[in-house]
């Protein structure tokens, strides 16, 4: 199941997989389902400013 399926409104088949979502800071994402644990991945070493920006973005989704 890729990002295209997820954007189309599908969800993971296994219930245990529906409790969290992983996102990457170098890929655009429109929305995150509420109530899930969010794992944020970054392609480089984190800087303080990049971490703050990512956390602010996540707060807007919740």
N, C-alpha and C. Protein backbone atom coordinates (compact mmCIF):
# COMPACT_ATOMS: atom_id res chain seq x y z
N UNK A 1 0.85 -1.17 0.00
CA UNK A 1 0.00 0.00 0.00
C UNK A 1 0.90 1.22 0.00
N UNK A 2 0.79 2.03 -1.01
CA UNK A 2 1.61 3.22 -1.11
C UNK A 2 0.86 4.47 -0.71
N UNK A 3 1.54 5.60 -0.82
CA UNK A 3 0.94 6.88 -0.46
C UNK A 3 -0.31 7.18 -1.27
N UNK A 4 -0.34 6.74 -2.52
CA UNK A 4 -1.50 7.00 -3.38
C UNK A 4 -2.76 6.35 -2.80
N UNK A 5 -2.64 5.13 -2.34
CA UNK A 5 -3.78 4.44 -1.75
C UNK A 5 -4.22 5.13 -0.47
N UNK A 6 -3.26 5.54 0.32
CA UNK A 6 -3.59 6.19 1.59
C UNK A 6 -4.33 7.49 1.34
N UNK A 7 -3.87 8.28 0.38
CA UNK A 7 -4.54 9.54 0.05
C UNK A 7 -5.94 9.31 -0.48
N UNK A 8 -6.16 8.17 -1.09
CA UNK A 8 -7.48 7.87 -1.65
C UNK A 8 -8.48 7.49 -0.57
N UNK A 9 -8.05 7.44 0.68
CA UNK A 9 -8.95 7.13 1.78
C UNK A 9 -8.84 5.72 2.31
N UNK A 10 -7.94 4.94 1.78
CA UNK A 10 -7.73 3.57 2.26
C UNK A 10 -6.99 3.61 3.59
N UNK A 11 -6.94 2.49 4.25
CA UNK A 11 -6.18 2.39 5.48
C UNK A 11 -5.48 1.04 5.49
N UNK A 12 -4.59 0.85 6.43
CA UNK A 12 -3.88 -0.41 6.53
C UNK A 12 -4.85 -1.51 6.93
N UNK A 13 -4.63 -2.70 6.43
CA UNK A 13 -5.53 -3.83 6.70
C UNK A 13 -5.40 -4.34 8.12
N UNK A 14 -4.19 -4.41 8.63
CA UNK A 14 -3.94 -4.95 9.97
C UNK A 14 -4.21 -3.85 11.01
N UNK A 15 -5.03 -4.16 11.99
CA UNK A 15 -5.40 -3.18 13.00
C UNK A 15 -4.23 -2.56 13.73
N UNK A 16 -3.21 -3.36 14.03
CA UNK A 16 -2.03 -2.85 14.74
C UNK A 16 -1.31 -1.77 13.94
N UNK A 17 -1.46 -1.79 12.63
CA UNK A 17 -0.80 -0.80 11.78
C UNK A 17 -1.58 0.51 11.70
N UNK A 18 -2.78 0.53 12.22
CA UNK A 18 -3.61 1.73 12.15
C UNK A 18 -3.40 2.67 13.32
N UNK A 19 -2.50 2.35 14.24
CA UNK A 19 -2.30 3.19 15.42
C UNK A 19 -1.19 4.20 15.27
N UNK A 20 -0.41 4.11 14.20
CA UNK A 20 0.69 5.04 14.01
C UNK A 20 0.90 5.31 12.53
N UNK A 21 1.67 6.35 12.26
CA UNK A 21 1.99 6.70 10.88
C UNK A 21 3.40 7.29 10.88
N UNK A 22 4.16 6.97 9.85
CA UNK A 22 5.51 7.52 9.70
C UNK A 22 5.52 8.50 8.54
N UNK A 23 6.15 9.64 8.75
CA UNK A 23 6.25 10.64 7.69
C UNK A 23 7.70 11.04 7.51
N UNK A 24 8.03 11.52 6.34
CA UNK A 24 9.38 11.98 6.05
C UNK A 24 9.31 13.47 5.74
N UNK A 25 10.26 14.23 6.26
CA UNK A 25 10.23 15.68 6.05
C UNK A 25 10.56 16.08 4.62
N UNK A 26 11.06 15.17 3.82
CA UNK A 26 11.40 15.53 2.44
C UNK A 26 10.34 15.09 1.43
N UNK A 27 9.16 14.69 1.91
CA UNK A 27 8.06 14.30 1.03
C UNK A 27 6.81 15.06 1.44
N UNK A 28 6.08 15.61 0.47
CA UNK A 28 4.86 16.35 0.82
C UNK A 28 3.78 15.41 1.34
N UNK A 29 3.01 15.91 2.28
CA UNK A 29 1.91 15.13 2.84
C UNK A 29 0.75 16.07 3.10
N UNK A 30 -0.41 15.70 2.66
CA UNK A 30 -1.57 16.59 2.77
C UNK A 30 -2.20 16.57 4.15
N UNK A 31 -2.40 15.41 4.70
CA UNK A 31 -3.02 15.33 6.02
C UNK A 31 -2.65 14.04 6.72
N UNK A 32 -2.79 14.06 8.03
CA UNK A 32 -2.49 12.91 8.87
C UNK A 32 -3.76 12.57 9.64
N UNK A 33 -4.15 11.31 9.73
CA UNK A 33 -5.33 10.96 10.52
C UNK A 33 -5.12 11.31 11.99
N UNK A 34 -6.12 11.82 12.62
CA UNK A 34 -6.02 12.19 14.04
C UNK A 34 -5.95 10.94 14.92
N UNK A 35 -5.32 11.12 16.07
CA UNK A 35 -5.29 10.05 17.06
C UNK A 35 -4.25 8.98 16.82
N UNK A 36 -3.30 9.24 15.95
CA UNK A 36 -2.25 8.24 15.70
C UNK A 36 -0.91 8.76 16.20
N UNK A 37 -0.08 7.83 16.61
CA UNK A 37 1.29 8.17 16.97
C UNK A 37 2.02 8.51 15.68
N UNK A 38 2.80 9.58 15.70
CA UNK A 38 3.48 10.04 14.49
C UNK A 38 4.99 9.89 14.67
N UNK A 39 5.60 9.19 13.73
CA UNK A 39 7.05 9.06 13.68
C UNK A 39 7.54 9.96 12.55
N UNK A 40 8.49 10.85 12.86
CA UNK A 40 8.99 11.79 11.87
C UNK A 40 10.42 11.39 11.49
N UNK A 41 10.63 11.20 10.20
CA UNK A 41 11.94 10.84 9.68
C UNK A 41 12.50 12.00 8.88
N UNK A 42 13.81 12.19 8.97
CA UNK A 42 14.48 13.30 8.29
C UNK A 42 15.68 12.72 7.55
N UNK A 43 15.90 13.12 6.29
CA UNK A 43 16.97 12.51 5.49
C UNK A 43 18.39 12.93 5.90
N UNK A 44 18.50 13.94 6.73
CA UNK A 44 19.81 14.42 7.17
C UNK A 44 19.83 14.49 8.70
N UNK A 45 20.93 14.92 9.26
CA UNK A 45 20.97 15.16 10.70
C UNK A 45 20.02 16.31 11.03
N UNK A 46 19.31 16.19 12.13
CA UNK A 46 18.36 17.23 12.52
C UNK A 46 19.11 18.47 13.00
N UNK A 47 18.59 19.63 12.64
CA UNK A 47 19.03 20.87 13.26
C UNK A 47 17.90 21.31 14.19
N UNK A 48 18.19 22.20 15.09
CA UNK A 48 17.16 22.68 16.01
C UNK A 48 16.00 23.30 15.25
N UNK A 49 16.29 24.12 14.25
CA UNK A 49 15.23 24.79 13.49
C UNK A 49 14.39 23.79 12.70
N UNK A 50 15.01 22.78 12.11
CA UNK A 50 14.26 21.78 11.35
C UNK A 50 13.34 20.97 12.27
N UNK A 51 13.83 20.63 13.44
CA UNK A 51 13.01 19.90 14.40
C UNK A 51 11.82 20.74 14.84
N UNK A 52 12.06 21.99 15.17
CA UNK A 52 10.96 22.88 15.57
C UNK A 52 9.91 22.99 14.48
N UNK A 53 10.36 23.17 13.24
CA UNK A 53 9.42 23.30 12.11
C UNK A 53 8.59 22.03 11.94
N UNK A 54 9.22 20.87 12.06
CA UNK A 54 8.51 19.60 11.92
C UNK A 54 7.48 19.43 13.04
N UNK A 55 7.84 19.77 14.25
CA UNK A 55 6.92 19.64 15.38
C UNK A 55 5.75 20.61 15.25
N UNK A 56 6.00 21.81 14.76
CA UNK A 56 4.91 22.77 14.53
C UNK A 56 3.95 22.26 13.48
N UNK A 57 4.48 21.65 12.44
CA UNK A 57 3.63 21.08 11.38
C UNK A 57 2.75 19.97 11.94
N UNK A 58 3.32 19.12 12.76
CA UNK A 58 2.56 18.02 13.36
C UNK A 58 1.45 18.58 14.26
N UNK A 59 1.72 19.62 15.02
CA UNK A 59 0.70 20.21 15.89
C UNK A 59 -0.50 20.71 15.09
N UNK A 60 -0.27 21.19 13.88
CA UNK A 60 -1.38 21.67 13.05
C UNK A 60 -2.28 20.53 12.60
N UNK A 61 -1.75 19.32 12.52
CA UNK A 61 -2.54 18.17 12.07
C UNK A 61 -3.37 17.59 13.20
N UNK A 62 -3.00 17.85 14.43
CA UNK A 62 -3.67 17.18 15.56
C UNK A 62 -4.84 17.98 16.07
